All heavy atoms as atom14 arrays in JSON, in Angstrom:
{
  "sequence": "DRTLVEAVVRIADELDLVTIAEHVEDQKTADALNEL",
  "atom14_mask": [
    [1, 1, 1, 1, 1, 1, 1, 1, 0, 0, 0, 0, 0, 0],
    [1, 1, 1, 1, 1, 1, 1, 1, 1, 1, 1, 0, 0, 0],
    [1, 1, 1, 1, 1, 1, 1, 0, 0, 0, 0, 0, 0, 0],
    [1, 1, 1, 1, 1, 1, 1, 1, 0, 0, 0, 0, 0, 0],
    [1, 1, 1, 1, 1, 1, 1, 0, 0, 0, 0, 0, 0, 0],
    [1, 1, 1, 1, 1, 1, 1, 1, 1, 0, 0, 0, 0, 0],
    [1, 1, 1, 1, 1, 0, 0, 0, 0, 0, 0, 0, 0, 0],
    [1, 1, 1, 1, 1, 1, 1, 0, 0, 0, 0, 0, 0, 0],
    [1, 1, 1, 1, 1, 1, 1, 0, 0, 0, 0, 0, 0, 0],
    [1, 1, 1, 1, 1, 1, 1, 1, 1, 1, 1, 0, 0, 0],
    [1, 1, 1, 1, 1, 1, 1, 1, 0, 0, 0, 0, 0, 0],
    [1, 1, 1, 1, 1, 0, 0, 0, 0, 0, 0, 0, 0, 0],
    [1, 1, 1, 1, 1, 1, 1, 1, 0, 0, 0, 0, 0, 0],
    [1, 1, 1, 1, 1, 1, 1, 1, 1, 0, 0, 0, 0, 0],
    [1, 1, 1, 1, 1, 1, 1, 1, 0, 0, 0, 0, 0, 0],
    [1, 1, 1, 1, 1, 1, 1, 1, 0, 0, 0, 0, 0, 0],
    [1, 1, 1, 1, 1, 1, 1, 1, 0, 0, 0, 0, 0, 0],
    [1, 1, 1, 1, 1, 1, 1, 0, 0, 0, 0, 0, 0, 0],
    [1, 1, 1, 1, 1, 1, 1, 0, 0, 0, 0, 0, 0, 0],
    [1, 1, 1, 1, 1, 1, 1, 1, 0, 0, 0, 0, 0, 0],
    [1, 1, 1, 1, 1, 0, 0, 0, 0, 0, 0, 0, 0, 0],
    [1, 1, 1, 1, 1, 1, 1, 1, 1, 0, 0, 0, 0, 0],
    [1, 1, 1, 1, 1, 1, 1, 1, 1, 1, 0, 0, 0, 0],
    [1, 1, 1, 1, 1, 1, 1, 0, 0, 0, 0, 0, 0, 0],
    [1, 1, 1, 1, 1, 1, 1, 1, 1, 0, 0, 0, 0, 0],
    [1, 1, 1, 1, 1, 1, 1, 1, 0, 0, 0, 0, 0, 0],
    [1, 1, 1, 1, 1, 1, 1, 1, 1, 0, 0, 0, 0, 0],
    [1, 1, 1, 1, 1, 1, 1, 1, 1, 0, 0, 0, 0, 0],
    [1, 1, 1, 1, 1, 1, 1, 0, 0, 0, 0, 0, 0, 0],
    [1, 1, 1, 1, 1, 0, 0, 0, 0, 0, 0, 0, 0, 0],
    [1, 1, 1, 1, 1, 1, 1, 1, 0, 0, 0, 0, 0, 0],
    [1, 1, 1, 1, 1, 0, 0, 0, 0, 0, 0, 0, 0, 0],
    [1, 1, 1, 1, 1, 1, 1, 1, 0, 0, 0, 0, 0, 0],
    [1, 1, 1, 1, 1, 1, 1, 1, 0, 0, 0, 0, 0, 0],
    [1, 1, 1, 1, 1, 1, 1, 1, 1, 0, 0, 0, 0, 0],
    [1, 1, 1, 1, 1, 1, 1, 1, 0, 0, 0, 0, 0, 0]
  ],
  "atom14_positions": [
    [[0.83, -1.2, 0.0], [0.0, 0.0, 0.0], [0.86, 1.26, 0.0], [0.6, 2.21, -0.73], [-0.95, 0.02, 1.2], [-2.1, -0.94, 1.05], [-2.33, -1.45, -0.07], [-2.76, -1.23, 2.07], [0.0, 0.0, 0.0], [0.0, 0.0, 0.0], [0.0, 0.0, 0.0], [0.0, 0.0, 0.0], [0.0, 0.0, 0.0], [0.0, 0.0, 0.0]],
    [[1.91, 1.27, 0.8], [2.81, 2.43, 0.84], [3.47, 2.64, -0.52], [3.56, 3.77, -0.99], [3.87, 2.25, 1.94], [4.75, 3.48, 2.08], [5.75, 3.3, 3.23], [6.58, 4.48, 3.34], [6.31, 5.51, 4.13], [5.22, 5.52, 4.87], [7.14, 6.54, 4.18], [0.0, 0.0, 0.0], [0.0, 0.0, 0.0], [0.0, 0.0, 0.0]],
    [[3.9, 1.58, -1.15], [4.53, 1.7, -2.47], [3.54, 2.19, -3.52], [3.9, 3.01, -4.37], [5.13, 0.34, -2.88], [6.11, -0.03, -1.91], [5.79, 0.43, -4.25], [0.0, 0.0, 0.0], [0.0, 0.0, 0.0], [0.0, 0.0, 0.0], [0.0, 0.0, 0.0], [0.0, 0.0, 0.0], [0.0, 0.0, 0.0], [0.0, 0.0, 0.0]],
    [[2.32, 1.72, -3.45], [1.28, 2.2, -4.38], [1.01, 3.68, -4.21], [0.92, 4.43, -5.19], [-0.01, 1.4, -4.21], [0.02, -0.01, -4.79], [-1.16, -0.82, -4.29], [0.0, 0.05, -6.3], [0.0, 0.0, 0.0], [0.0, 0.0, 0.0], [0.0, 0.0, 0.0], [0.0, 0.0, 0.0], [0.0, 0.0, 0.0], [0.0, 0.0, 0.0]],
    [[0.88, 4.12, -2.97], [0.66, 5.55, -2.71], [1.85, 6.37, -3.2], [1.7, 7.38, -3.86], [0.38, 5.82, -1.22], [0.38, 7.3, -0.92], [-0.94, 5.17, -0.81], [0.0, 0.0, 0.0], [0.0, 0.0, 0.0], [0.0, 0.0, 0.0], [0.0, 0.0, 0.0], [0.0, 0.0, 0.0], [0.0, 0.0, 0.0], [0.0, 0.0, 0.0]],
    [[3.05, 5.9, -2.91], [4.26, 6.59, -3.37], [4.3, 6.68, -4.89], [4.64, 7.73, -5.44], [5.49, 5.87, -2.85], [6.79, 6.54, -3.21], [7.99, 5.84, -2.61], [7.89, 4.68, -2.18], [9.07, 6.48, -2.58], [0.0, 0.0, 0.0], [0.0, 0.0, 0.0], [0.0, 0.0, 0.0], [0.0, 0.0, 0.0], [0.0, 0.0, 0.0]],
    [[3.93, 5.62, -5.57], [3.92, 5.61, -7.04], [2.91, 6.63, -7.58], [3.2, 7.36, -8.54], [3.62, 4.22, -7.55], [0.0, 0.0, 0.0], [0.0, 0.0, 0.0], [0.0, 0.0, 0.0], [0.0, 0.0, 0.0], [0.0, 0.0, 0.0], [0.0, 0.0, 0.0], [0.0, 0.0, 0.0], [0.0, 0.0, 0.0], [0.0, 0.0, 0.0]],
    [[1.73, 6.67, -6.99], [0.7, 7.62, -7.44], [1.2, 9.05, -7.24], [1.05, 9.91, -8.13], [-0.63, 7.39, -6.69], [-1.6, 8.52, -6.96], [-1.24, 6.04, -7.11], [0.0, 0.0, 0.0], [0.0, 0.0, 0.0], [0.0, 0.0, 0.0], [0.0, 0.0, 0.0], [0.0, 0.0, 0.0], [0.0, 0.0, 0.0], [0.0, 0.0, 0.0]],
    [[1.82, 9.32, -6.1], [2.34, 10.67, -5.83], [3.42, 11.03, -6.85], [3.43, 12.15, -7.38], [2.87, 10.77, -4.38], [3.62, 12.09, -4.16], [1.73, 10.63, -3.39], [0.0, 0.0, 0.0], [0.0, 0.0, 0.0], [0.0, 0.0, 0.0], [0.0, 0.0, 0.0], [0.0, 0.0, 0.0], [0.0, 0.0, 0.0], [0.0, 0.0, 0.0]],
    [[4.31, 10.13, -7.13], [5.38, 10.4, -8.1], [4.84, 10.66, -9.5], [5.3, 11.56, -10.19], [6.39, 9.25, -8.1], [7.2, 9.19, -6.79], [8.22, 8.11, -6.78], [9.23, 8.39, -7.81], [10.11, 7.5, -8.21], [10.12, 6.29, -7.72], [11.01, 7.82, -9.14], [0.0, 0.0, 0.0], [0.0, 0.0, 0.0], [0.0, 0.0, 0.0]],
    [[3.88, 9.86, -9.91], [3.26, 10.07, -11.23], [2.54, 11.42, -11.26], [2.67, 12.19, -12.21], [2.29, 8.93, -11.55], [3.07, 7.63, -11.8], [1.43, 9.27, -12.77], [2.21, 6.38, -11.83], [0.0, 0.0, 0.0], [0.0, 0.0, 0.0], [0.0, 0.0, 0.0], [0.0, 0.0, 0.0], [0.0, 0.0, 0.0], [0.0, 0.0, 0.0]],
    [[1.78, 11.72, -10.21], [1.07, 12.99, -10.13], [2.05, 14.16, -10.19], [1.81, 15.17, -10.9], [0.23, 13.07, -8.86], [0.0, 0.0, 0.0], [0.0, 0.0, 0.0], [0.0, 0.0, 0.0], [0.0, 0.0, 0.0], [0.0, 0.0, 0.0], [0.0, 0.0, 0.0], [0.0, 0.0, 0.0], [0.0, 0.0, 0.0], [0.0, 0.0, 0.0]],
    [[3.15, 14.05, -9.48], [4.16, 15.12, -9.51], [4.69, 15.33, -10.94], [4.84, 16.48, -11.38], [5.33, 14.79, -8.58], [4.98, 14.97, -7.11], [3.93, 15.59, -6.81], [5.77, 14.49, -6.27], [0.0, 0.0, 0.0], [0.0, 0.0, 0.0], [0.0, 0.0, 0.0], [0.0, 0.0, 0.0], [0.0, 0.0, 0.0], [0.0, 0.0, 0.0]],
    [[4.96, 14.27, -11.65], [5.46, 14.38, -13.02], [4.45, 15.05, -13.94], [4.82, 15.71, -14.91], [5.84, 13.0, -13.57], [7.08, 12.42, -12.97], [8.34, 13.25, -13.27], [8.47, 13.76, -14.39], [9.17, 13.38, -12.36], [0.0, 0.0, 0.0], [0.0, 0.0, 0.0], [0.0, 0.0, 0.0], [0.0, 0.0, 0.0], [0.0, 0.0, 0.0]],
    [[3.17, 14.86, -13.64], [2.09, 15.44, -14.46], [1.58, 16.78, -13.92], [0.61, 17.32, -14.42], [0.93, 14.43, -14.55], [1.25, 13.11, -15.24], [0.1, 12.14, -15.06], [1.54, 13.33, -16.72], [0.0, 0.0, 0.0], [0.0, 0.0, 0.0], [0.0, 0.0, 0.0], [0.0, 0.0, 0.0], [0.0, 0.0, 0.0], [0.0, 0.0, 0.0]],
    [[2.27, 17.3, -12.9], [1.87, 18.57, -12.25], [0.44, 18.51, -11.72], [-0.33, 19.46, -11.85], [2.04, 19.76, -13.2], [3.49, 20.06, -13.49], [4.32, 19.93, -12.56], [3.81, 20.42, -14.62], [0.0, 0.0, 0.0], [0.0, 0.0, 0.0], [0.0, 0.0, 0.0], [0.0, 0.0, 0.0], [0.0, 0.0, 0.0], [0.0, 0.0, 0.0]],
    [[0.08, 17.38, -11.15], [-1.23, 17.21, -10.51], [-1.08, 17.26, -9.0], [-0.04, 16.87, -8.44], [-1.85, 15.86, -10.89], [-2.04, 15.6, -12.38], [-2.58, 14.18, -12.59], [-2.98, 16.62, -12.99], [0.0, 0.0, 0.0], [0.0, 0.0, 0.0], [0.0, 0.0, 0.0], [0.0, 0.0, 0.0], [0.0, 0.0, 0.0], [0.0, 0.0, 0.0]],
    [[-2.07, 17.76, -8.32], [-2.1, 17.79, -6.87], [-2.77, 16.52, -6.36], [-3.79, 16.1, -6.9], [-2.88, 19.04, -6.38], [-2.98, 19.06, -4.86], [-2.24, 20.31, -6.91], [0.0, 0.0, 0.0], [0.0, 0.0, 0.0], [0.0, 0.0, 0.0], [0.0, 0.0, 0.0], [0.0, 0.0, 0.0], [0.0, 0.0, 0.0], [0.0, 0.0, 0.0]],
    [[-2.2, 15.91, -5.33], [-2.75, 14.67, -4.78], [-3.6, 14.94, -3.54], [-3.31, 15.82, -2.74], [-1.64, 13.69, -4.42], [-0.64, 14.36, -3.65], [-1.02, 13.08, -5.66], [0.0, 0.0, 0.0], [0.0, 0.0, 0.0], [0.0, 0.0, 0.0], [0.0, 0.0, 0.0], [0.0, 0.0, 0.0], [0.0, 0.0, 0.0], [0.0, 0.0, 0.0]],
    [[-4.66, 14.12, -3.41], [-5.56, 14.17, -2.27], [-5.73, 12.73, -1.78], [-6.1, 11.85, -2.56], [-6.95, 14.72, -2.66], [-6.83, 16.1, -3.3], [-7.87, 14.74, -1.44], [-8.1, 16.57, -3.96], [0.0, 0.0, 0.0], [0.0, 0.0, 0.0], [0.0, 0.0, 0.0], [0.0, 0.0, 0.0], [0.0, 0.0, 0.0], [0.0, 0.0, 0.0]],
    [[-5.44, 12.49, -0.51], [-5.6, 11.14, 0.06], [-6.91, 11.07, 0.85], [-7.21, 11.95, 1.67], [-4.43, 10.82, 0.98], [0.0, 0.0, 0.0], [0.0, 0.0, 0.0], [0.0, 0.0, 0.0], [0.0, 0.0, 0.0], [0.0, 0.0, 0.0], [0.0, 0.0, 0.0], [0.0, 0.0, 0.0], [0.0, 0.0, 0.0], [0.0, 0.0, 0.0]],
    [[-7.67, 10.04, 0.59], [-8.95, 9.79, 1.28], [-8.74, 8.96, 2.54], [-7.75, 8.28, 2.67], [-9.9, 9.0, 0.37], [-10.29, 9.66, -0.9], [-11.21, 8.76, -1.71], [-11.02, 7.52, -1.74], [-12.13, 9.33, -2.31], [0.0, 0.0, 0.0], [0.0, 0.0, 0.0], [0.0, 0.0, 0.0], [0.0, 0.0, 0.0], [0.0, 0.0, 0.0]],
    [[-9.75, 9.0, 3.42], [-9.85, 8.12, 4.61], [-8.65, 8.25, 5.57], [-8.16, 7.24, 6.1], [-10.0, 6.65, 4.2], [-11.29, 6.37, 3.5], [-12.47, 6.23, 4.18], [-11.59, 6.25, 2.19], [-13.44, 6.02, 3.3], [-12.94, 6.05, 2.1], [0.0, 0.0, 0.0], [0.0, 0.0, 0.0], [0.0, 0.0, 0.0], [0.0, 0.0, 0.0]],
    [[-8.2, 9.46, 5.79], [-7.12, 9.68, 6.75], [-7.76, 9.81, 8.12], [-8.46, 10.79, 8.4], [-6.29, 10.94, 6.39], [-5.19, 11.15, 7.42], [-5.73, 10.8, 4.99], [0.0, 0.0, 0.0], [0.0, 0.0, 0.0], [0.0, 0.0, 0.0], [0.0, 0.0, 0.0], [0.0, 0.0, 0.0], [0.0, 0.0, 0.0], [0.0, 0.0, 0.0]],
    [[-7.53, 8.83, 8.97], [-8.24, 8.76, 10.26], [-7.35, 8.98, 11.47], [-7.85, 9.09, 12.58], [-8.97, 7.43, 10.35], [-10.0, 7.29, 9.26], [-10.73, 5.96, 9.28], [-10.48, 5.17, 10.21], [-11.53, 5.73, 8.37], [0.0, 0.0, 0.0], [0.0, 0.0, 0.0], [0.0, 0.0, 0.0], [0.0, 0.0, 0.0], [0.0, 0.0, 0.0]],
    [[-6.03, 9.04, 11.28], [-5.15, 9.27, 12.43], [-3.9, 10.03, 12.01], [-3.57, 10.13, 10.83], [-4.78, 7.94, 13.1], [-4.13, 6.96, 12.14], [-3.1, 7.31, 11.53], [-4.64, 5.84, 12.0], [0.0, 0.0, 0.0], [0.0, 0.0, 0.0], [0.0, 0.0, 0.0], [0.0, 0.0, 0.0], [0.0, 0.0, 0.0], [0.0, 0.0, 0.0]],
    [[-3.2, 10.56, 13.01], [-2.03, 11.4, 12.75], [-0.89, 10.61, 12.14], [-0.14, 11.12, 11.31], [-1.58, 12.09, 14.05], [-0.53, 13.16, 13.82], [-1.03, 14.27, 12.93], [-2.09, 14.83, 13.15], [-0.28, 14.61, 11.9], [0.0, 0.0, 0.0], [0.0, 0.0, 0.0], [0.0, 0.0, 0.0], [0.0, 0.0, 0.0], [0.0, 0.0, 0.0]],
    [[-0.74, 9.36, 12.55], [0.33, 8.51, 12.01], [0.18, 8.37, 10.48], [1.17, 8.46, 9.74], [0.31, 7.13, 12.67], [1.44, 6.24, 12.26], [1.39, 4.91, 13.03], [2.49, 3.99, 12.57], [2.43, 2.68, 13.25], [0.0, 0.0, 0.0], [0.0, 0.0, 0.0], [0.0, 0.0, 0.0], [0.0, 0.0, 0.0], [0.0, 0.0, 0.0]],
    [[-1.03, 8.2, 10.01], [-1.29, 8.1, 8.58], [-1.01, 9.44, 7.91], [-0.38, 9.5, 6.86], [-2.74, 7.64, 8.31], [-2.92, 6.35, 8.92], [-3.03, 7.56, 6.84], [0.0, 0.0, 0.0], [0.0, 0.0, 0.0], [0.0, 0.0, 0.0], [0.0, 0.0, 0.0], [0.0, 0.0, 0.0], [0.0, 0.0, 0.0], [0.0, 0.0, 0.0]],
    [[-1.47, 10.51, 8.51], [-1.21, 11.85, 7.95], [0.27, 12.13, 7.85], [0.75, 12.68, 6.84], [-1.9, 12.92, 8.82], [0.0, 0.0, 0.0], [0.0, 0.0, 0.0], [0.0, 0.0, 0.0], [0.0, 0.0, 0.0], [0.0, 0.0, 0.0], [0.0, 0.0, 0.0], [0.0, 0.0, 0.0], [0.0, 0.0, 0.0], [0.0, 0.0, 0.0]],
    [[1.03, 11.74, 8.86], [2.48, 11.96, 8.84], [3.14, 11.16, 7.7], [4.03, 11.69, 7.02], [3.09, 11.55, 10.18], [2.7, 12.49, 11.31], [2.24, 13.62, 11.05], [2.85, 12.07, 12.49], [0.0, 0.0, 0.0], [0.0, 0.0, 0.0], [0.0, 0.0, 0.0], [0.0, 0.0, 0.0], [0.0, 0.0, 0.0], [0.0, 0.0, 0.0]],
    [[2.7, 9.93, 7.5], [3.26, 9.09, 6.43], [2.95, 9.72, 5.07], [3.81, 9.76, 4.17], [2.73, 7.69, 6.51], [0.0, 0.0, 0.0], [0.0, 0.0, 0.0], [0.0, 0.0, 0.0], [0.0, 0.0, 0.0], [0.0, 0.0, 0.0], [0.0, 0.0, 0.0], [0.0, 0.0, 0.0], [0.0, 0.0, 0.0], [0.0, 0.0, 0.0]],
    [[1.74, 10.21, 4.89], [1.34, 10.83, 3.63], [2.11, 12.12, 3.4], [2.54, 12.41, 2.26], [-0.17, 11.1, 3.63], [-1.04, 9.86, 3.64], [-2.47, 10.19, 3.99], [-0.95, 9.13, 2.3], [0.0, 0.0, 0.0], [0.0, 0.0, 0.0], [0.0, 0.0, 0.0], [0.0, 0.0, 0.0], [0.0, 0.0, 0.0], [0.0, 0.0, 0.0]],
    [[2.33, 12.88, 4.44], [3.12, 14.11, 4.33], [4.56, 13.78, 3.9], [5.12, 14.45, 3.04], [3.1, 14.86, 5.67], [3.82, 16.17, 5.58], [3.58, 16.97, 4.65], [4.7, 16.43, 6.52], [0.0, 0.0, 0.0], [0.0, 0.0, 0.0], [0.0, 0.0, 0.0], [0.0, 0.0, 0.0], [0.0, 0.0, 0.0], [0.0, 0.0, 0.0]],
    [[5.1, 12.73, 4.49], [6.46, 12.3, 4.15], [6.58, 11.91, 2.67], [7.61, 12.16, 2.03], [6.83, 11.09, 5.03], [8.21, 10.54, 4.81], [8.46, 9.33, 5.71], [8.25, 9.47, 6.92], [8.84, 8.28, 5.16], [0.0, 0.0, 0.0], [0.0, 0.0, 0.0], [0.0, 0.0, 0.0], [0.0, 0.0, 0.0], [0.0, 0.0, 0.0]],
    [[5.51, 11.34, 2.13], [5.51, 10.94, 0.72], [5.17, 12.09, -0.23], [5.28, 11.94, -1.45], [4.52, 9.79, 0.5], [4.89, 8.47, 1.18], [3.79, 7.44, 0.96], [6.22, 7.94, 0.66], [0.0, 0.0, 0.0], [0.0, 0.0, 0.0], [0.0, 0.0, 0.0], [0.0, 0.0, 0.0], [0.0, 0.0, 0.0], [0.0, 0.0, 0.0]]
  ]
}
């Protein structure tokens, strides 16, 4: 799952798209998404 999210973020960055993550329910998840 982490690799899939990372891949989507990298592709979006290359295409100048902004990413939005759904179902963020805790700070640990938010921190991981911020890191990516």
